[in-house]
Amino acid sequence: MTNPSATNIQKYNGKTLPSALHKISELLHGKTPAVFLDYDGCLSPIVKDPEMAVLTPEMRETLQKLAEVCPVAVVSGRDRANVEGLVKLDNLYFAGSHGFDISGPGNMHTEPGGAKAAIPALDNAQVELNKLLTGVKGVLVERKRYAIAVHYRNVPDEQVQRVLDAAHEVLTRHKELKPGPGKKVLELKPNLDWHKGKAVRWLLAELDLNQPNIIPLYIGDDLTDEDAFAELQGSGIGILVGEHDEDTAAEYRLEDVEEVQAFLEALTLFVKKE
């Protein structure tokens, strides 16, 4: 387990981010949390092969116990069915494909955001990318229902630019798509005004959680999570896990997946006591 200092205040791009682990009472202000989390880098460490990002039994138990005392949703760039299969809990909500595909208890299943119209462009872009990137060692073109993730984490440094150039070349041919940068990945996503932040807003409204006694918490590690951090400013709390290369709209920080688990466990106990 990570062993933070007493204050664990980190400077992040000129912004001071205190540790959420030591500030639960301050975060909640006497309210009940509604918890939203990214998957990769938050519930499971970032790994070279996305299919190896397996949830530990301990983290699964932590999520299950938290969901018994407050609403919990996993908001991921992964396909919704994929992340749902990794978590294997039926008392959570799941927003996959950056929020274009949402499911949850009570047979909830909806696809807000209008991404179906972009499927033909995604089909064509997938074929073009595979052709352009033939022979590039380590590249992974991962097709999702409503996105294509071009992973270059395992690509030699001298070939990374070729990968990025190919992705941008394909994007110029398909105005229905837009880029979505991340950690060692560039995604081609539907060119629509929809993202993780809007998915969180949709869930808050759909689940009748826009109440004065409820405070949304969003925990994420990637650039795509910044949309959710920004969306909740003034009405919720953003918690950044680790760091990325841009400025952040988060207000608090957790060091790694182990600290996320410790925070969720402490949060569960705190809510039970209230």
C-alpha atoms as a PDB file:
ATOM      1  CA  MET A   1       0.000   0.000   0.000  1.00  0.00           C
ATOM      2  CA  THR A   2       1.209   3.474  -0.830  1.00  0.00           C
ATOM      3  CA  ASN A   3       2.436   5.287   2.259  1.00  0.00           C
ATOM      4  CA  PRO A   4       1.640   8.990   1.759  1.00  0.00           C
ATOM      5  CA  SER A   5       2.980  11.743   3.946  1.00  0.00           C
ATOM      6  CA  ALA A   6       0.793  13.405   6.533  1.00  0.00           C
ATOM      7  CA  THR A   7      -0.416  16.073   4.115  1.00  0.00           C
ATOM      8  CA  ASN A   8       0.442  14.554   0.712  1.00  0.00           C
ATOM      9  CA  ILE A   9      -0.025  17.876  -1.037  1.00  0.00           C
ATOM     10  CA  GLN A  10       1.319  17.717  -4.571  1.00  0.00           C
ATOM     11  CA  LYS A  11       2.137  20.519  -6.975  1.00  0.00           C
ATOM     12  CA  TYR A  12       0.530  19.677 -10.286  1.00  0.00           C
ATOM     13  CA  ASN A  13       1.131  22.005 -13.224  1.00  0.00           C
ATOM     14  CA  GLY A  14       1.306  24.893 -10.803  1.00  0.00           C
ATOM     15  CA  LYS A  15      -1.858  23.806  -8.994  1.00  0.00           C
ATOM     16  CA  THR A  16      -1.849  22.443  -5.458  1.00  0.00           C
ATOM     17  CA  LEU A  17      -3.795  19.180  -5.199  1.00  0.00           C
ATOM     18  CA  PRO A  18      -4.294  17.826  -1.686  1.00  0.00           C
ATOM     19  CA  SER A  19      -4.763  14.102  -1.154  1.00  0.00           C
ATOM     20  CA  ALA A  20      -8.413  13.019  -1.233  1.00  0.00           C
ATOM     21  CA  LEU A  21      -7.493  10.152   1.079  1.00  0.00           C
ATOM     22  CA  HIS A  22      -7.141  12.501   4.048  1.00  0.00           C
ATOM     23  CA  LYS A  23     -10.008  14.862   3.205  1.00  0.00           C
ATOM     24  CA  ILE A  24     -13.163  12.723   3.032  1.00  0.00           C
ATOM     25  CA  SER A  25     -15.125  14.806   5.523  1.00  0.00           C
ATOM     26  CA  GLU A  26     -14.091  17.979   3.709  1.00  0.00           C
ATOM     27  CA  LEU A  27     -15.087  16.461   0.356  1.00  0.00           C
ATOM     28  CA  LEU A  28     -18.566  15.411   1.386  1.00  0.00           C
ATOM     29  CA  HIS A  29     -19.687  18.370   3.515  1.00  0.00           C
ATOM     30  CA  GLY A  30     -22.258  16.097   5.181  1.00  0.00           C
ATOM     31  CA  LYS A  31     -23.682  14.904   1.845  1.00  0.00           C
ATOM     32  CA  THR A  32     -24.045  11.430   0.341  1.00  0.00           C
ATOM     33  CA  PRO A  33     -21.611  10.754  -2.506  1.00  0.00           C
ATOM     34  CA  ALA A  34     -22.462   9.529  -5.984  1.00  0.00           C
ATOM     35  CA  VAL A  35     -19.205   7.986  -7.205  1.00  0.00           C
ATOM     36  CA  PHE A  36     -18.047   7.862 -10.829  1.00  0.00           C
ATOM     37  CA  LEU A  37     -14.747   6.184 -11.775  1.00  0.00           C
ATOM     38  CA  ASP A  38     -12.662   5.518 -14.833  1.00  0.00           C
ATOM     39  CA  TYR A  39     -11.465   1.899 -15.149  1.00  0.00           C
ATOM     40  CA  ASP A  40      -7.915   1.806 -16.533  1.00  0.00           C
ATOM     41  CA  GLY A  41      -5.456   3.550 -14.250  1.00  0.00           C
ATOM     42  CA  CYS A  42      -8.029   3.871 -11.460  1.00  0.00           C
ATOM     43  CA  LEU A  43      -9.518   0.458 -10.757  1.00  0.00           C
ATOM     44  CA  SER A  44      -6.777  -1.467 -12.519  1.00  0.00           C
ATOM     45  CA  PRO A  45      -3.204  -0.392 -13.315  1.00  0.00           C
ATOM     46  CA  ILE A  46      -2.272   0.659 -16.860  1.00  0.00           C
ATOM     47  CA  VAL A  47      -0.707  -2.355 -18.612  1.00  0.00           C
ATOM     48  CA  LYS A  48       0.843  -2.995 -22.033  1.00  0.00           C
ATOM     49  CA  ASP A  49      -2.033  -5.240 -23.145  1.00  0.00           C
ATOM     50  CA  PRO A  50      -5.490  -3.719 -22.401  1.00  0.00           C
ATOM     51  CA  GLU A  51      -6.970  -7.207 -22.061  1.00  0.00           C
ATOM     52  CA  MET A  52      -4.657  -7.880 -19.116  1.00  0.00           C
ATOM     53  CA  ALA A  53      -6.097  -5.023 -17.048  1.00  0.00           C
ATOM     54  CA  VAL A  54      -7.915  -7.372 -14.703  1.00  0.00           C
ATOM     55  CA  LEU A  55      -9.783  -6.230 -11.607  1.00  0.00           C
ATOM     56  CA  THR A  56      -8.483  -7.807  -8.396  1.00  0.00           C
ATOM     57  CA  PRO A  57     -10.965  -9.661  -6.147  1.00  0.00           C
ATOM     58  CA  GLU A  58     -10.170  -7.126  -3.411  1.00  0.00           C
ATOM     59  CA  MET A  59     -11.048  -4.151  -5.625  1.00  0.00           C
ATOM     60  CA  ARG A  60     -14.238  -5.907  -6.766  1.00  0.00           C
ATOM     61  CA  GLU A  61     -15.278  -6.434  -3.150  1.00  0.00           C
ATOM     62  CA  THR A  62     -14.478  -2.790  -2.376  1.00  0.00           C
ATOM     63  CA  LEU A  63     -16.697  -1.614  -5.243  1.00  0.00           C
ATOM     64  CA  GLN A  64     -19.518  -3.944  -4.245  1.00  0.00           C
ATOM     65  CA  LYS A  65     -19.520  -2.672  -0.658  1.00  0.00           C
ATOM     66  CA  LEU A  66     -19.423   0.958  -1.797  1.00  0.00           C
ATOM     67  CA  ALA A  67     -22.360   0.375  -4.155  1.00  0.00           C
ATOM     68  CA  GLU A  68     -24.385  -0.897  -1.200  1.00  0.00           C
ATOM     69  CA  VAL A  69     -24.221   2.533   0.465  1.00  0.00           C
ATOM     70  CA  CYS A  70     -24.220   4.950  -2.514  1.00  0.00           C
ATOM     71  CA  PRO A  71     -24.584   5.015  -6.327  1.00  0.00           C
ATOM     72  CA  VAL A  72     -21.451   3.896  -8.202  1.00  0.00           C
ATOM     73  CA  ALA A  73     -20.762   4.111 -11.940  1.00  0.00           C
ATOM     74  CA  VAL A  74     -17.755   3.101 -14.035  1.00  0.00           C
ATOM     75  CA  VAL A  75     -17.212   5.558 -16.899  1.00  0.00           C
ATOM     76  CA  SER A  76     -14.723   4.217 -19.433  1.00  0.00           C
ATOM     77  CA  GLY A  77     -13.408   4.583 -22.946  1.00  0.00           C
ATOM     78  CA  ARG A  78     -13.692   0.816 -23.209  1.00  0.00           C
ATOM     79  CA  ASP A  79     -16.739  -0.767 -24.783  1.00  0.00           C
ATOM     80  CA  ARG A  80     -19.488  -0.954 -22.224  1.00  0.00           C
ATOM     81  CA  ALA A  81     -19.827  -4.753 -22.517  1.00  0.00           C
ATOM     82  CA  ASN A  82     -16.054  -5.123 -22.104  1.00  0.00           C
ATOM     83  CA  VAL A  83     -15.758  -3.084 -18.918  1.00  0.00           C
ATOM     84  CA  GLU A  84     -18.954  -4.617 -17.534  1.00  0.00           C
ATOM     85  CA  GLY A  85     -17.423  -8.067 -18.082  1.00  0.00           C
ATOM     86  CA  LEU A  86     -14.214  -7.047 -16.334  1.00  0.00           C
ATOM     87  CA  VAL A  87     -15.969  -5.650 -13.255  1.00  0.00           C
ATOM     88  CA  LYS A  88     -18.630  -8.373 -12.960  1.00  0.00           C
ATOM     89  CA  LEU A  89     -20.943  -6.528 -10.543  1.00  0.00           C
ATOM     90  CA  ASP A  90     -24.652  -6.058 -11.155  1.00  0.00           C
ATOM     91  CA  ASN A  91     -25.194  -3.246  -8.640  1.00  0.00           C
ATOM     92  CA  LEU A  92     -23.072  -0.721 -10.595  1.00  0.00           C
ATOM     93  CA  TYR A  93     -23.824   1.499 -13.581  1.00  0.00           C
ATOM     94  CA  PHE A  94     -21.568   1.344 -16.645  1.00  0.00           C
ATOM     95  CA  ALA A  95     -20.939   4.061 -19.217  1.00  0.00           C
ATOM     96  CA  GLY A  96     -18.774   2.691 -22.019  1.00  0.00           C
ATOM     97  CA  SER A  97     -17.342   4.259 -25.184  1.00  0.00           C
ATOM     98  CA  HIS A  98     -16.840   7.544 -23.309  1.00  0.00           C
ATOM     99  CA  GLY A  99     -20.507   7.581 -22.330  1.00  0.00           C
ATOM    100  CA  PHE A 100     -22.176   6.704 -25.631  1.00  0.00           C
ATOM    101  CA  ASP A 101     -23.381   3.332 -24.262  1.00  0.00           C
ATOM    102  CA  ILE A 102     -24.861   3.130 -20.742  1.00  0.00           C
ATOM    103  CA  SER A 103     -26.298   0.254 -18.706  1.00  0.00           C
ATOM    104  CA  GLY A 104     -27.220  -0.432 -15.114  1.00  0.00           C
ATOM    105  CA  PRO A 105     -29.528  -2.101 -12.594  1.00  0.00           C
ATOM    106  CA  GLY A 106     -33.184  -2.449 -13.482  1.00  0.00           C
ATOM    107  CA  ASN A 107     -32.394  -3.428 -17.098  1.00  0.00           C
ATOM    108  CA  MET A 108     -31.161   0.055 -17.926  1.00  0.00           C
ATOM    109  CA  HIS A 109     -29.581   0.178 -21.376  1.00  0.00           C
ATOM    110  CA  THR A 110     -29.430   3.282 -23.509  1.00  0.00           C
ATOM    111  CA  GLU A 111     -27.147   4.905 -26.054  1.00  0.00           C
ATOM    112  CA  PRO A 112     -27.381   8.669 -25.617  1.00  0.00           C
ATOM    113  CA  GLY A 113     -25.299  11.022 -27.731  1.00  0.00           C
ATOM    114  CA  GLY A 114     -26.306   9.804 -31.222  1.00  0.00           C
ATOM    115  CA  ALA A 115     -23.114   7.850 -32.009  1.00  0.00           C
ATOM    116  CA  LYS A 116     -24.788   5.241 -34.245  1.00  0.00           C
ATOM    117  CA  ALA A 117     -24.530   7.593 -37.215  1.00  0.00           C
ATOM    118  CA  ALA A 118     -20.727   7.423 -37.021  1.00  0.00           C
ATOM    119  CA  ILE A 119     -20.450   3.627 -37.366  1.00  0.00           C
ATOM    120  CA  PRO A 120     -19.894   3.598 -41.180  1.00  0.00           C
ATOM    121  CA  ALA A 121     -17.066   6.134 -40.818  1.00  0.00           C
ATOM    122  CA  LEU A 122     -15.513   4.058 -38.023  1.00  0.00           C
ATOM    123  CA  ASP A 123     -15.728   0.922 -40.189  1.00  0.00           C
ATOM    124  CA  ASN A 124     -13.897   2.642 -43.051  1.00  0.00           C
ATOM    125  CA  ALA A 125     -11.343   4.271 -40.765  1.00  0.00           C
ATOM    126  CA  GLN A 126     -10.487   0.908 -39.236  1.00  0.00           C
ATOM    127  CA  VAL A 127      -9.665  -0.563 -42.641  1.00  0.00           C
ATOM    128  CA  GLU A 128      -7.562   2.475 -43.580  1.00  0.00           C
ATOM    129  CA  LEU A 129      -5.611   2.463 -40.319  1.00  0.00           C
ATOM    130  CA  ASN A 130      -4.793  -1.220 -40.560  1.00  0.00           C
ATOM    131  CA  LYS A 131      -3.459  -0.657 -44.080  1.00  0.00           C
ATOM    132  CA  LEU A 132      -1.409   2.443 -43.175  1.00  0.00           C
ATOM    133  CA  LEU A 133       0.093   0.872 -40.058  1.00  0.00           C
ATOM    134  CA  THR A 134       1.031  -2.496 -41.539  1.00  0.00           C
ATOM    135  CA  GLY A 135       4.536  -3.366 -40.389  1.00  0.00           C
ATOM    136  CA  VAL A 136       4.661  -0.965 -37.428  1.00  0.00           C
ATOM    137  CA  LYS A 137       5.981  -2.976 -34.521  1.00  0.00           C
ATOM    138  CA  GLY A 138       3.908  -2.846 -31.320  1.00  0.00           C
ATOM    139  CA  VAL A 139       0.995  -0.786 -32.642  1.00  0.00           C
ATOM    140  CA  LEU A 140      -2.521  -1.906 -31.677  1.00  0.00           C
ATOM    141  CA  VAL A 141      -5.580  -0.722 -33.578  1.00  0.00           C
ATOM    142  CA  GLU A 142      -8.400  -1.553 -31.173  1.00  0.00           C
ATOM    143  CA  ARG A 143     -11.904  -1.283 -32.627  1.00  0.00           C
ATOM    144  CA  LYS A 144     -14.658  -0.477 -30.177  1.00  0.00           C
ATOM    145  CA  ARG A 145     -18.336  -0.025 -30.913  1.00  0.00           C
ATOM    146  CA  TYR A 146     -18.106   3.758 -31.003  1.00  0.00           C
ATOM    147  CA  ALA A 147     -14.373   4.438 -31.266  1.00  0.00           C
ATOM    148  CA  ILE A 148     -11.051   3.218 -32.604  1.00  0.00           C
ATOM    149  CA  ALA A 149      -8.136   3.316 -30.163  1.00  0.00           C
ATOM    150  CA  VAL A 150      -4.696   3.477 -31.754  1.00  0.00           C
ATOM    151  CA  HIS A 151      -2.336   2.333 -28.990  1.00  0.00           C
ATOM    152  CA  TYR A 152       1.352   3.193 -29.373  1.00  0.00           C
ATOM    153  CA  ARG A 153       2.657   2.391 -25.879  1.00  0.00           C
ATOM    154  CA  ASN A 154       4.660  -0.527 -27.288  1.00  0.00           C
ATOM    155  CA  VAL A 155       5.783   1.218 -30.494  1.00  0.00           C
ATOM    156  CA  PRO A 156       9.502   2.109 -30.826  1.00  0.00           C
ATOM    157  CA  ASP A 157      10.094   5.834 -30.291  1.00  0.00           C
ATOM    158  CA  GLU A 158      11.263   6.374 -33.862  1.00  0.00           C
ATOM    159  CA  GLN A 159       7.948   5.077 -35.236  1.00  0.00           C
ATOM    160  CA  VAL A 160       5.508   6.863 -32.914  1.00  0.00           C
ATOM    161  CA  GLN A 161       5.220   9.860 -35.231  1.00  0.00           C
ATOM    162  CA  ARG A 162       4.315   7.572 -38.118  1.00  0.00           C
ATOM    163  CA  VAL A 163       1.460   6.179 -36.047  1.00  0.00           C
ATOM    164  CA  LEU A 164       0.186   9.630 -35.115  1.00  0.00           C
ATOM    165  CA  ASP A 165       0.497  10.891 -38.698  1.00  0.00           C
ATOM    166  CA  ALA A 166      -1.505   7.915 -39.974  1.00  0.00           C
ATOM    167  CA  ALA A 167      -4.280   8.500 -37.446  1.00  0.00           C
ATOM    168  CA  HIS A 168      -4.517  12.190 -38.320  1.00  0.00           C
ATOM    169  CA  GLU A 169      -4.476  11.384 -42.043  1.00  0.00           C
ATOM    170  CA  VAL A 170      -7.468   9.105 -41.584  1.00  0.00           C
ATOM    171  CA  LEU A 171      -9.252  11.726 -39.495  1.00  0.00           C
ATOM    172  CA  THR A 172      -8.949  14.285 -42.311  1.00  0.00           C
ATOM    173  CA  ARG A 173     -10.892  11.903 -44.574  1.00  0.00           C
ATOM    174  CA  HIS A 174     -13.752  11.381 -42.123  1.00  0.00           C
ATOM    175  CA  LYS A 175     -15.356  14.556 -40.807  1.00  0.00           C
ATOM    176  CA  GLU A 176     -17.756  12.382 -38.801  1.00  0.00           C
ATOM    177  CA  LEU A 177     -14.833  11.589 -36.486  1.00  0.00           C
ATOM    178  CA  LYS A 178     -12.607  13.593 -34.158  1.00  0.00           C
ATOM    179  CA  PRO A 179      -9.395  12.864 -32.227  1.00  0.00           C
ATOM    180  CA  GLY A 180      -9.374  11.917 -28.578  1.00  0.00           C
ATOM    181  CA  PRO A 181      -5.890  11.982 -27.039  1.00  0.00           C
ATOM    182  CA  GLY A 182      -4.954   9.834 -24.058  1.00  0.00           C
ATOM    183  CA  LYS A 183      -1.965   8.171 -22.404  1.00  0.00           C
ATOM    184  CA  LYS A 184       0.001   6.557 -25.256  1.00  0.00           C
ATOM    185  CA  VAL A 185      -3.197   6.278 -27.283  1.00  0.00           C
ATOM    186  CA  LEU A 186      -5.021   8.353 -29.871  1.00  0.00           C
ATOM    187  CA  GLU A 187      -8.693   7.616 -30.329  1.00  0.00           C
ATOM    188  CA  LEU A 188     -10.925   8.299 -33.298  1.00  0.00           C
ATOM    189  CA  LYS A 189     -14.335   9.133 -31.843  1.00  0.00           C
ATOM    190  CA  PRO A 190     -17.685  10.350 -33.191  1.00  0.00           C
ATOM    191  CA  ASN A 191     -17.501  14.073 -33.890  1.00  0.00           C
ATOM    192  CA  LEU A 192     -20.360  14.855 -31.514  1.00  0.00           C
ATOM    193  CA  ASP A 193     -20.792  17.071 -28.476  1.00  0.00           C
ATOM    194  CA  TRP A 194     -20.733  14.155 -26.047  1.00  0.00           C
ATOM    195  CA  HIS A 195     -18.081  12.969 -23.612  1.00  0.00           C
ATOM    196  CA  LYS A 196     -17.591  11.465 -20.162  1.00  0.00           C
ATOM    197  CA  GLY A 197     -18.733  14.660 -18.448  1.00  0.00           C
ATOM    198  CA  LYS A 198     -22.016  14.735 -20.335  1.00  0.00           C
ATOM    199  CA  ALA A 199     -22.531  11.037 -19.579  1.00  0.00           C
ATOM    200  CA  VAL A 200     -22.113  11.784 -15.868  1.00  0.00           C
ATOM    201  CA  ARG A 201     -24.635  14.628 -16.148  1.00  0.00           C
ATOM    202  CA  TRP A 202     -27.051  12.294 -17.953  1.00  0.00           C
ATOM    203  CA  LEU A 203     -26.741   9.668 -15.217  1.00  0.00           C
ATOM    204  CA  LEU A 204     -27.208  12.223 -12.450  1.00  0.00           C
ATOM    205  CA  ALA A 205     -30.460  13.368 -14.065  1.00  0.00           C
ATOM    206  CA  GLU A 206     -31.693   9.886 -14.998  1.00  0.00           C
ATOM    207  CA  LEU A 207     -31.090   8.536 -11.479  1.00  0.00           C
ATOM    208  CA  ASP A 208     -32.598  11.622  -9.831  1.00  0.00           C
ATOM    209  CA  LEU A 209     -29.300  12.425  -8.118  1.00  0.00           C
ATOM    210  CA  ASN A 210     -29.397  16.182  -8.676  1.00  0.00           C
ATOM    211  CA  GLN A 211     -30.367  16.650  -5.048  1.00  0.00           C
ATOM    212  CA  PRO A 212     -28.973  19.089  -2.458  1.00  0.00           C
ATOM    213  CA  ASN A 213     -27.965  16.186  -0.180  1.00  0.00           C
ATOM    214  CA  ILE A 214     -25.913  14.398  -2.864  1.00  0.00           C
ATOM    215  CA  ILE A 215     -22.413  15.292  -4.114  1.00  0.00           C
ATOM    216  CA  PRO A 216     -20.907  13.689  -7.231  1.00  0.00           C
ATOM    217  CA  LEU A 217     -17.290  12.506  -7.035  1.00  0.00           C
ATOM    218  CA  TYR A 218     -15.410  11.695 -10.236  1.00  0.00           C
ATOM    219  CA  ILE A 219     -12.142   9.730 -10.054  1.00  0.00           C
ATOM    220  CA  GLY A 220     -10.011   9.532 -13.201  1.00  0.00           C
ATOM    221  CA  ASP A 221      -6.446   9.471 -14.439  1.00  0.00           C
ATOM    222  CA  ASP A 222      -6.549  10.323 -18.138  1.00  0.00           C
ATOM    223  CA  LEU A 223      -7.020  13.351 -20.389  1.00  0.00           C
ATOM    224  CA  THR A 224     -10.504  12.098 -21.285  1.00  0.00           C
ATOM    225  CA  ASP A 225     -11.471  12.386 -17.608  1.00  0.00           C
ATOM    226  CA  GLU A 226     -10.830  16.134 -17.713  1.00  0.00           C
ATOM    227  CA  ASP A 227     -14.234  16.579 -19.399  1.00  0.00           C
ATOM    228  CA  ALA A 228     -15.866  15.091 -16.303  1.00  0.00           C
ATOM    229  CA  PHE A 229     -13.709  17.113 -13.906  1.00  0.00           C
ATOM    230  CA  ALA A 230     -14.677  20.301 -15.742  1.00  0.00           C
ATOM    231  CA  GLU A 231     -18.351  19.351 -15.948  1.00  0.00           C
ATOM    232  CA  LEU A 232     -18.576  18.898 -12.178  1.00  0.00           C
ATOM    233  CA  GLN A 233     -16.775  22.075 -11.158  1.00  0.00           C
ATOM    234  CA  GLY A 234     -19.005  23.976  -8.769  1.00  0.00           C
ATOM    235  CA  SER A 235     -21.362  21.046  -8.190  1.00  0.00           C
ATOM    236  CA  GLY A 236     -19.082  18.071  -7.540  1.00  0.00           C
ATOM    237  CA  ILE A 237     -15.500  17.014  -6.921  1.00  0.00           C
ATOM    238  CA  GLY A 238     -12.828  15.851  -9.372  1.00  0.00           C
ATOM    239  CA  ILE A 239     -10.056  13.550  -8.124  1.00  0.00           C
ATOM    240  CA  LEU A 240      -7.028  12.958 -10.351  1.00  0.00           C
ATOM    241  CA  VAL A 241      -5.184   9.646 -10.054  1.00  0.00           C
ATOM    242  CA  GLY A 242      -1.466   9.932 -10.735  1.00  0.00           C
ATOM    243  CA  GLU A 243      -0.732  12.558 -13.363  1.00  0.00           C
ATOM    244  CA  HIS A 244      -0.911  13.338 -17.069  1.00  0.00           C
ATOM    245  CA  ASP A 245       0.712  15.907 -19.323  1.00  0.00           C
ATOM    246  CA  GLU A 246      -1.877  18.704 -19.299  1.00  0.00           C
ATOM    247  CA  ASP A 247      -3.453  21.096 -16.792  1.00  0.00           C
ATOM    248  CA  THR A 248      -6.196  19.569 -14.682  1.00  0.00           C
ATOM    249  CA  ALA A 249      -9.636  20.693 -13.517  1.00  0.00           C
ATOM    250  CA  ALA A 250      -9.467  18.226 -10.607  1.00  0.00           C
ATOM    251  CA  GLU A 251      -9.389  19.546  -7.054  1.00  0.00           C
ATOM    252  CA  TYR A 252      -7.902  16.553  -5.244  1.00  0.00           C
ATOM    253  CA  ARG A 253      -5.469  13.767  -6.001  1.00  0.00           C
ATOM    254  CA  LEU A 254      -4.783  10.097  -5.348  1.00  0.00           C
ATOM    255  CA  GLU A 255      -1.398   8.565  -6.069  1.00  0.00           C
ATOM    256  CA  ASP A 256      -2.295   5.244  -7.722  1.00  0.00           C
ATOM    257  CA  VAL A 257      -4.753   2.333  -7.885  1.00  0.00           C
ATOM    258  CA  GLU A 258      -3.846   1.250  -4.356  1.00  0.00           C
ATOM    259  CA  GLU A 259      -4.749   4.681  -3.011  1.00  0.00           C
ATOM    260  CA  VAL A 260      -7.995   4.605  -4.981  1.00  0.00           C
ATOM    261  CA  GLN A 261      -8.930   1.366  -3.234  1.00  0.00           C
ATOM    262  CA  ALA A 262      -7.965   2.780   0.164  1.00  0.00           C
ATOM    263  CA  PHE A 263     -10.045   5.886  -0.553  1.00  0.00           C
ATOM    264  CA  LEU A 264     -13.104   3.869  -1.613  1.00  0.00           C
ATOM    265  CA  GLU A 265     -12.851   1.694   1.494  1.00  0.00           C
ATOM    266  CA  ALA A 266     -12.565   4.741   3.745  1.00  0.00           C
ATOM    267  CA  LEU A 267     -15.446   6.389   1.889  1.00  0.00           C
ATOM    268  CA  THR A 268     -17.661   3.346   2.462  1.00  0.00           C
ATOM    269  CA  LEU A 269     -16.958   3.360   6.186  1.00  0.00           C
ATOM    270  CA  PHE A 270     -17.547   7.112   6.418  1.00  0.00           C
ATOM    271  CA  VAL A 271     -20.919   6.909   4.649  1.00  0.00           C
ATOM    272  CA  LYS A 272     -22.003   4.004   6.862  1.00  0.00           C
ATOM    273  CA  LYS A 273     -21.284   6.036   9.983  1.00  0.00           C
ATOM    274  CA  GLU A 274     -23.248   9.071   8.843  1.00  0.00           C
END
